[in-house]
Amino acid sequence: MNYERMGYGRKLISLVQYLYTKPEQVAGCRFITVDAVNDKDKKAISFYQNIGFRFMTDDDENSETRYMAFDLLSMQI
């Protein structure tokens, strides 16, 4: 089954963001990182960019995957 465009990815990322930014959080986590598939359609990369992930380097621009990260500090409570 294809789960694209059903909202599951956004919900999963939102859950992780919530868990690591709630006031009683005690784990030391600042970044969520992913290796986004770098295919010709750039769907995965666009998805992550749209929810605030940024490229960590330009060295992987032509690689199979792009290293991207979301800074949890950008979600100051």
PDB file of N, CA and C in Angstrom:
ATOM      1  N   MET A   1       0.843  -1.192   0.000  1.00  0.00           N
ATOM      2  CA  MET A   1       0.000   0.000   0.000  1.00  0.00           C
ATOM      3  C   MET A   1       0.882   1.247   0.000  1.00  0.00           C
ATOM      4  N   ASN A   2       0.480   2.230  -0.744  1.00  0.00           N
ATOM      5  CA  ASN A   2       1.199   3.494  -0.816  1.00  0.00           C
ATOM      6  C   ASN A   2       0.623   4.447   0.231  1.00  0.00           C
ATOM      7  N   TYR A   3       1.465   4.917   1.133  1.00  0.00           N
ATOM      8  CA  TYR A   3       1.010   5.787   2.211  1.00  0.00           C
ATOM      9  C   TYR A   3       1.298   7.264   1.947  1.00  0.00           C
ATOM     10  N   GLU A   4       1.763   7.586   0.734  1.00  0.00           N
ATOM     11  CA  GLU A   4       2.058   8.976   0.413  1.00  0.00           C
ATOM     12  C   GLU A   4       0.781   9.804   0.404  1.00  0.00           C
ATOM     13  N   ARG A   5       0.920  11.065   0.832  1.00  0.00           N
ATOM     14  CA  ARG A   5      -0.150  12.051   0.802  1.00  0.00           C
ATOM     15  C   ARG A   5      -1.341  11.685   1.695  1.00  0.00           C
ATOM     16  N   MET A   6      -1.082  10.886   2.729  1.00  0.00           N
ATOM     17  CA  MET A   6      -2.137  10.521   3.668  1.00  0.00           C
ATOM     18  C   MET A   6      -1.935  11.203   5.025  1.00  0.00           C
ATOM     19  N   GLY A   7      -0.864  11.959   5.171  1.00  0.00           N
ATOM     20  CA  GLY A   7      -0.629  12.712   6.389  1.00  0.00           C
ATOM     21  C   GLY A   7       0.152  11.985   7.471  1.00  0.00           C
ATOM     22  N   TYR A   8       0.522  10.730   7.225  1.00  0.00           N
ATOM     23  CA  TYR A   8       1.230   9.955   8.250  1.00  0.00           C
ATOM     24  C   TYR A   8       2.617  10.516   8.550  1.00  0.00           C
ATOM     25  N   GLY A   9       3.344  10.902   7.532  1.00  0.00           N
ATOM     26  CA  GLY A   9       4.691  11.439   7.735  1.00  0.00           C
ATOM     27  C   GLY A   9       4.666  12.701   8.576  1.00  0.00           C
ATOM     28  N   ARG A  10       3.768  13.610   8.253  1.00  0.00           N
ATOM     29  CA  ARG A  10       3.651  14.861   8.999  1.00  0.00           C
ATOM     30  C   ARG A  10       3.243  14.590  10.448  1.00  0.00           C
ATOM     31  N   LYS A  11       2.348  13.626  10.655  1.00  0.00           N
ATOM     32  CA  LYS A  11       1.918  13.287  12.020  1.00  0.00           C
ATOM     33  C   LYS A  11       3.065  12.692  12.831  1.00  0.00           C
ATOM     34  N   LEU A  12       3.861  11.843  12.213  1.00  0.00           N
ATOM     35  CA  LEU A  12       5.003  11.249  12.914  1.00  0.00           C
ATOM     36  C   LEU A  12       6.028  12.306  13.314  1.00  0.00           C
ATOM     37  N   ILE A  13       6.346  13.199  12.402  1.00  0.00           N
ATOM     38  CA  ILE A  13       7.295  14.262  12.713  1.00  0.00           C
ATOM     39  C   ILE A  13       6.726  15.163  13.808  1.00  0.00           C
ATOM     40  N   SER A  14       5.442  15.494  13.728  1.00  0.00           N
ATOM     41  CA  SER A  14       4.804  16.330  14.754  1.00  0.00           C
ATOM     42  C   SER A  14       4.857  15.666  16.125  1.00  0.00           C
ATOM     43  N   LEU A  15       4.660  14.360  16.171  1.00  0.00           N
ATOM     44  CA  LEU A  15       4.727  13.631  17.436  1.00  0.00           C
ATOM     45  C   LEU A  15       6.132  13.722  18.034  1.00  0.00           C
ATOM     46  N   VAL A  16       7.149  13.501  17.235  1.00  0.00           N
ATOM     47  CA  VAL A  16       8.525  13.596  17.722  1.00  0.00           C
ATOM     48  C   VAL A  16       8.821  15.023  18.188  1.00  0.00           C
ATOM     49  N   GLN A  17       8.377  16.012  17.419  1.00  0.00           N
ATOM     50  CA  GLN A  17       8.583  17.405  17.817  1.00  0.00           C
ATOM     51  C   GLN A  17       7.921  17.679  19.166  1.00  0.00           C
ATOM     52  N   TYR A  18       6.716  17.199  19.342  1.00  0.00           N
ATOM     53  CA  TYR A  18       6.003  17.402  20.608  1.00  0.00           C
ATOM     54  C   TYR A  18       6.731  16.717  21.763  1.00  0.00           C
ATOM     55  N   LEU A  19       7.096  15.456  21.564  1.00  0.00           N
ATOM     56  CA  LEU A  19       7.726  14.691  22.640  1.00  0.00           C
ATOM     57  C   LEU A  19       9.024  15.319  23.119  1.00  0.00           C
ATOM     58  N   TYR A  20       9.767  15.949  22.208  1.00  0.00           N
ATOM     59  CA  TYR A  20      11.058  16.504  22.591  1.00  0.00           C
ATOM     60  C   TYR A  20      11.043  18.011  22.846  1.00  0.00           C
ATOM     61  N   THR A  21       9.872  18.616  22.863  1.00  0.00           N
ATOM     62  CA  THR A  21       9.802  20.044  23.191  1.00  0.00           C
ATOM     63  C   THR A  21       8.825  20.337  24.327  1.00  0.00           C
ATOM     64  N   LYS A  22       8.142  19.317  24.842  1.00  0.00           N
ATOM     65  CA  LYS A  22       7.216  19.586  25.945  1.00  0.00           C
ATOM     66  C   LYS A  22       8.016  19.958  27.201  1.00  0.00           C
ATOM     67  N   PRO A  23       7.456  20.777  28.067  1.00  0.00           N
ATOM     68  CA  PRO A  23       8.195  21.305  29.223  1.00  0.00           C
ATOM     69  C   PRO A  23       8.839  20.247  30.134  1.00  0.00           C
ATOM     70  N   GLU A  24       8.196  19.119  30.318  1.00  0.00           N
ATOM     71  CA  GLU A  24       8.738  18.102  31.221  1.00  0.00           C
ATOM     72  C   GLU A  24       9.742  17.163  30.533  1.00  0.00           C
ATOM     73  N   GLN A  25      10.108  17.456  29.292  1.00  0.00           N
ATOM     74  CA  GLN A  25      11.067  16.635  28.553  1.00  0.00           C
ATOM     75  C   GLN A  25      12.425  16.673  29.246  1.00  0.00           C
ATOM     76  N   VAL A  26      13.004  15.510  29.473  1.00  0.00           N
ATOM     77  CA  VAL A  26      14.299  15.445  30.149  1.00  0.00           C
ATOM     78  C   VAL A  26      15.411  14.888  29.255  1.00  0.00           C
ATOM     79  N   ALA A  27      15.068  14.371  28.091  1.00  0.00           N
ATOM     80  CA  ALA A  27      16.094  13.846  27.188  1.00  0.00           C
ATOM     81  C   ALA A  27      16.792  14.997  26.477  1.00  0.00           C
ATOM     82  N   GLY A  28      18.063  14.818  26.210  1.00  0.00           N
ATOM     83  CA  GLY A  28      18.831  15.853  25.539  1.00  0.00           C
ATOM     84  C   GLY A  28      18.804  15.676  24.034  1.00  0.00           C
ATOM     85  N   CYS A  29      17.799  16.202  23.384  1.00  0.00           N
ATOM     86  CA  CYS A  29      17.676  16.089  21.934  1.00  0.00           C
ATOM     87  C   CYS A  29      17.458  17.484  21.360  1.00  0.00           C
ATOM     88  N   ARG A  30      18.261  17.852  20.376  1.00  0.00           N
ATOM     89  CA  ARG A  30      18.091  19.167  19.771  1.00  0.00           C
ATOM     90  C   ARG A  30      17.692  19.081  18.308  1.00  0.00           C
ATOM     91  N   PHE A  31      18.185  18.074  17.595  1.00  0.00           N
ATOM     92  CA  PHE A  31      17.915  17.975  16.163  1.00  0.00           C
ATOM     93  C   PHE A  31      17.212  16.667  15.821  1.00  0.00           C
ATOM     94  N   ILE A  32      16.311  16.745  14.840  1.00  0.00           N
ATOM     95  CA  ILE A  32      15.765  15.559  14.187  1.00  0.00           C
ATOM     96  C   ILE A  32      16.479  15.506  12.846  1.00  0.00           C
ATOM     97  N   THR A  33      17.092  14.384  12.521  1.00  0.00           N
ATOM     98  CA  THR A  33      17.820  14.280  11.258  1.00  0.00           C
ATOM     99  C   THR A  33      17.229  13.185  10.380  1.00  0.00           C
ATOM    100  N   VAL A  34      17.340  13.381   9.079  1.00  0.00           N
ATOM    101  CA  VAL A  34      16.860  12.402   8.107  1.00  0.00           C
ATOM    102  C   VAL A  34      17.834  12.345   6.933  1.00  0.00           C
ATOM    103  N   ASP A  35      17.816  11.241   6.239  1.00  0.00           N
ATOM    104  CA  ASP A  35      18.469  11.106   4.940  1.00  0.00           C
ATOM    105  C   ASP A  35      17.340  11.029   3.922  1.00  0.00           C
ATOM    106  N   ALA A  36      17.002  12.148   3.325  1.00  0.00           N
ATOM    107  CA  ALA A  36      15.885  12.219   2.390  1.00  0.00           C
ATOM    108  C   ALA A  36      16.304  11.701   1.023  1.00  0.00           C
ATOM    109  N   VAL A  37      15.470  10.859   0.443  1.00  0.00           N
ATOM    110  CA  VAL A  37      15.751  10.309  -0.884  1.00  0.00           C
ATOM    111  C   VAL A  37      15.810  11.450  -1.890  1.00  0.00           C
ATOM    112  N   ASN A  38      16.870  11.462  -2.672  1.00  0.00           N
ATOM    113  CA  ASN A  38      17.133  12.527  -3.641  1.00  0.00           C
ATOM    114  C   ASN A  38      16.839  12.012  -5.044  1.00  0.00           C
ATOM    115  N   ASP A  39      15.547  11.736  -5.321  1.00  0.00           N
ATOM    116  CA  ASP A  39      15.185  11.235  -6.652  1.00  0.00           C
ATOM    117  C   ASP A  39      14.837  12.399  -7.577  1.00  0.00           C
ATOM    118  N   LYS A  40      14.507  12.090  -8.810  1.00  0.00           N
ATOM    119  CA  LYS A  40      14.262  13.149  -9.794  1.00  0.00           C
ATOM    120  C   LYS A  40      13.051  14.013  -9.453  1.00  0.00           C
ATOM    121  N   ASP A  41      12.059  13.452  -8.762  1.00  0.00           N
ATOM    122  CA  ASP A  41      10.860  14.224  -8.405  1.00  0.00           C
ATOM    123  C   ASP A  41      11.056  15.085  -7.166  1.00  0.00           C
ATOM    124  N   LYS A  42      12.054  14.760  -6.350  1.00  0.00           N
ATOM    125  CA  LYS A  42      12.370  15.517  -5.130  1.00  0.00           C
ATOM    126  C   LYS A  42      11.186  15.576  -4.160  1.00  0.00           C
ATOM    127  N   LYS A  43      10.306  14.557  -4.185  1.00  0.00           N
ATOM    128  CA  LYS A  43       9.132  14.573  -3.304  1.00  0.00           C
ATOM    129  C   LYS A  43       9.516  14.523  -1.840  1.00  0.00           C
ATOM    130  N   ALA A  44      10.435  13.650  -1.489  1.00  0.00           N
ATOM    131  CA  ALA A  44      10.833  13.533  -0.078  1.00  0.00           C
ATOM    132  C   ALA A  44      11.518  14.809   0.390  1.00  0.00           C
ATOM    133  N   ILE A  45      12.395  15.336  -0.420  1.00  0.00           N
ATOM    134  CA  ILE A  45      13.099  16.559  -0.055  1.00  0.00           C
ATOM    135  C   ILE A  45      12.111  17.711   0.112  1.00  0.00           C
ATOM    136  N   SER A  46      11.179  17.845  -0.798  1.00  0.00           N
ATOM    137  CA  SER A  46      10.164  18.906  -0.702  1.00  0.00           C
ATOM    138  C   SER A  46       9.323  18.742   0.555  1.00  0.00           C
ATOM    139  N   PHE A  47       8.946  17.493   0.875  1.00  0.00           N
ATOM    140  CA  PHE A  47       8.165  17.233   2.085  1.00  0.00           C
ATOM    141  C   PHE A  47       8.901  17.750   3.318  1.00  0.00           C
ATOM    142  N   TYR A  48      10.162  17.366   3.459  1.00  0.00           N
ATOM    143  CA  TYR A  48      10.919  17.777   4.637  1.00  0.00           C
ATOM    144  C   TYR A  48      11.168  19.285   4.660  1.00  0.00           C
ATOM    145  N   GLN A  49      11.436  19.879   3.516  1.00  0.00           N
ATOM    146  CA  GLN A  49      11.622  21.329   3.475  1.00  0.00           C
ATOM    147  C   GLN A  49      10.346  22.059   3.903  1.00  0.00           C
ATOM    148  N   ASN A  50       9.207  21.567   3.473  1.00  0.00           N
ATOM    149  CA  ASN A  50       7.931  22.207   3.802  1.00  0.00           C
ATOM    150  C   ASN A  50       7.611  22.168   5.290  1.00  0.00           C
ATOM    151  N   ILE A  51       8.192  21.232   6.021  1.00  0.00           N
ATOM    152  CA  ILE A  51       7.923  21.182   7.462  1.00  0.00           C
ATOM    153  C   ILE A  51       9.118  21.676   8.284  1.00  0.00           C
ATOM    154  N   GLY A  52      10.040  22.367   7.622  1.00  0.00           N
ATOM    155  CA  GLY A  52      11.089  23.069   8.355  1.00  0.00           C
ATOM    156  C   GLY A  52      12.462  22.444   8.382  1.00  0.00           C
ATOM    157  N   PHE A  53      12.663  21.320   7.720  1.00  0.00           N
ATOM    158  CA  PHE A  53      13.991  20.709   7.666  1.00  0.00           C
ATOM    159  C   PHE A  53      14.871  21.497   6.696  1.00  0.00           C
ATOM    160  N   ARG A  54      16.170  21.550   6.998  1.00  0.00           N
ATOM    161  CA  ARG A  54      17.136  22.257   6.165  1.00  0.00           C
ATOM    162  C   ARG A  54      18.307  21.334   5.838  1.00  0.00           C
ATOM    163  N   PHE A  55      18.932  21.585   4.693  1.00  0.00           N
ATOM    164  CA  PHE A  55      20.101  20.798   4.302  1.00  0.00           C
ATOM    165  C   PHE A  55      21.245  21.078   5.262  1.00  0.00           C
ATOM    166  N   MET A  56      21.970  20.038   5.609  1.00  0.00           N
ATOM    167  CA  MET A  56      23.114  20.182   6.499  1.00  0.00           C
ATOM    168  C   MET A  56      24.396  20.446   5.722  1.00  0.00           C
ATOM    169  N   THR A  57      24.416  20.083   4.455  1.00  0.00           N
ATOM    170  CA  THR A  57      25.597  20.284   3.616  1.00  0.00           C
ATOM    171  C   THR A  57      25.167  20.317   2.159  1.00  0.00           C
ATOM    172  N   ASP A  58      25.996  20.907   1.320  1.00  0.00           N
ATOM    173  CA  ASP A  58      25.758  20.868  -0.123  1.00  0.00           C
ATOM    174  C   ASP A  58      26.597  19.779  -0.778  1.00  0.00           C
ATOM    175  N   ASP A  59      27.454  19.130   0.000  1.00  0.00           N
ATOM    176  CA  ASP A  59      28.333  18.091  -0.538  1.00  0.00           C
ATOM    177  C   ASP A  59      27.567  16.876  -1.059  1.00  0.00           C
ATOM    178  N   ASP A  60      26.320  16.675  -0.590  1.00  0.00           N
ATOM    179  CA  ASP A  60      25.547  15.506  -1.003  1.00  0.00           C
ATOM    180  C   ASP A  60      24.466  15.851  -2.032  1.00  0.00           C
ATOM    181  N   GLU A  61      24.615  16.994  -2.680  1.00  0.00           N
ATOM    182  CA  GLU A  61      23.601  17.478  -3.621  1.00  0.00           C
ATOM    183  C   GLU A  61      23.304  16.478  -4.738  1.00  0.00           C
ATOM    184  N   ASN A  62      24.291  15.732  -5.185  1.00  0.00           N
ATOM    185  CA  ASN A  62      24.098  14.763  -6.266  1.00  0.00           C
ATOM    186  C   ASN A  62      24.108  13.322  -5.770  1.00  0.00           C
ATOM    187  N   SER A  63      23.964  13.129  -4.479  1.00  0.00           N
ATOM    188  CA  SER A  63      23.948  11.791  -3.890  1.00  0.00           C
ATOM    189  C   SER A  63      22.537  11.206  -3.914  1.00  0.00           C
ATOM    190  N   GLU A  64      22.446   9.914  -3.586  1.00  0.00           N
ATOM    191  CA  GLU A  64      21.138   9.244  -3.515  1.00  0.00           C
ATOM    192  C   GLU A  64      20.242   9.836  -2.439  1.00  0.00           C
ATOM    193  N   THR A  65      20.849  10.292  -1.354  1.00  0.00           N
ATOM    194  CA  THR A  65      20.095  10.895  -0.264  1.00  0.00           C
ATOM    195  C   THR A  65      20.718  12.229   0.129  1.00  0.00           C
ATOM    196  N   ARG A  66      19.892  13.081   0.736  1.00  0.00           N
ATOM    197  CA  ARG A  66      20.370  14.371   1.247  1.00  0.00           C
ATOM    198  C   ARG A  66      20.210  14.368   2.753  1.00  0.00           C
ATOM    199  N   TYR A  67      21.240  14.790   3.466  1.00  0.00           N
ATOM    200  CA  TYR A  67      21.232  14.874   4.916  1.00  0.00           C
ATOM    201  C   TYR A  67      20.522  16.172   5.307  1.00  0.00           C
ATOM    202  N   MET A  68      19.419  16.042   6.050  1.00  0.00           N
ATOM    203  CA  MET A  68      18.620  17.198   6.443  1.00  0.00           C
ATOM    204  C   MET A  68      18.349  17.140   7.942  1.00  0.00           C
ATOM    205  N   ALA A  69      18.123  18.305   8.542  1.00  0.00           N
ATOM    206  CA  ALA A  69      17.876  18.354   9.980  1.00  0.00           C
ATOM    207  C   ALA A  69      16.834  19.415  10.308  1.00  0.00           C
ATOM    208  N   PHE A  70      16.132  19.172  11.409  1.00  0.00           N
ATOM    209  CA  PHE A  70      15.184  20.131  11.966  1.00  0.00           C
ATOM    210  C   PHE A  70      15.681  20.498  13.353  1.00  0.00           C
ATOM    211  N   ASP A  71      15.847  21.788  13.610  1.00  0.00           N
ATOM    212  CA  ASP A  71      16.326  22.265  14.898  1.00  0.00           C
ATOM    213  C   ASP A  71      15.138  22.460  15.847  1.00  0.00           C
ATOM    214  N   LEU A  72      15.052  21.641  16.866  1.00  0.00           N
ATOM    215  CA  LEU A  72      13.937  21.714  17.815  1.00  0.00           C
ATOM    216  C   LEU A  72      13.917  23.029  18.584  1.00  0.00           C
ATOM    217  N   LEU A  73      15.041  23.716  18.657  1.00  0.00           N
ATOM    218  CA  LEU A  73      15.052  25.020  19.331  1.00  0.00           C
ATOM    219  C   LEU A  73      14.215  26.059  18.574  1.00  0.00           C
ATOM    220  N   SER A  74      13.947  25.797  17.300  1.00  0.00           N
ATOM    221  CA  SER A  74      13.115  26.719  16.526  1.00  0.00           C
ATOM    222  C   SER A  74      11.656  26.662  16.971  1.00  0.00           C
ATOM    223  N   MET A  75      11.337  25.703  17.825  1.00  0.00           N
ATOM    224  CA  MET A  75       9.975  25.547  18.346  1.00  0.00           C
ATOM    225  C   MET A  75       9.911  26.002  19.800  1.00  0.00           C
ATOM    226  N   GLN A  76      10.552  27.084  20.134  1.00  0.00           N
ATOM    227  CA  GLN A  76      10.578  27.587  21.509  1.00  0.00           C
ATOM    228  C   GLN A  76       9.179  27.593  22.106  1.00  0.00           C
ATOM    229  N   ILE A  77       9.078  27.077  23.318  1.00  0.00           N
ATOM    230  CA  ILE A  77       7.775  26.995  23.992  1.00  0.00           C
ATOM    231  C   ILE A  77       7.518  28.285  24.749  1.00  0.00           C
TER     232      ILE A  77
END
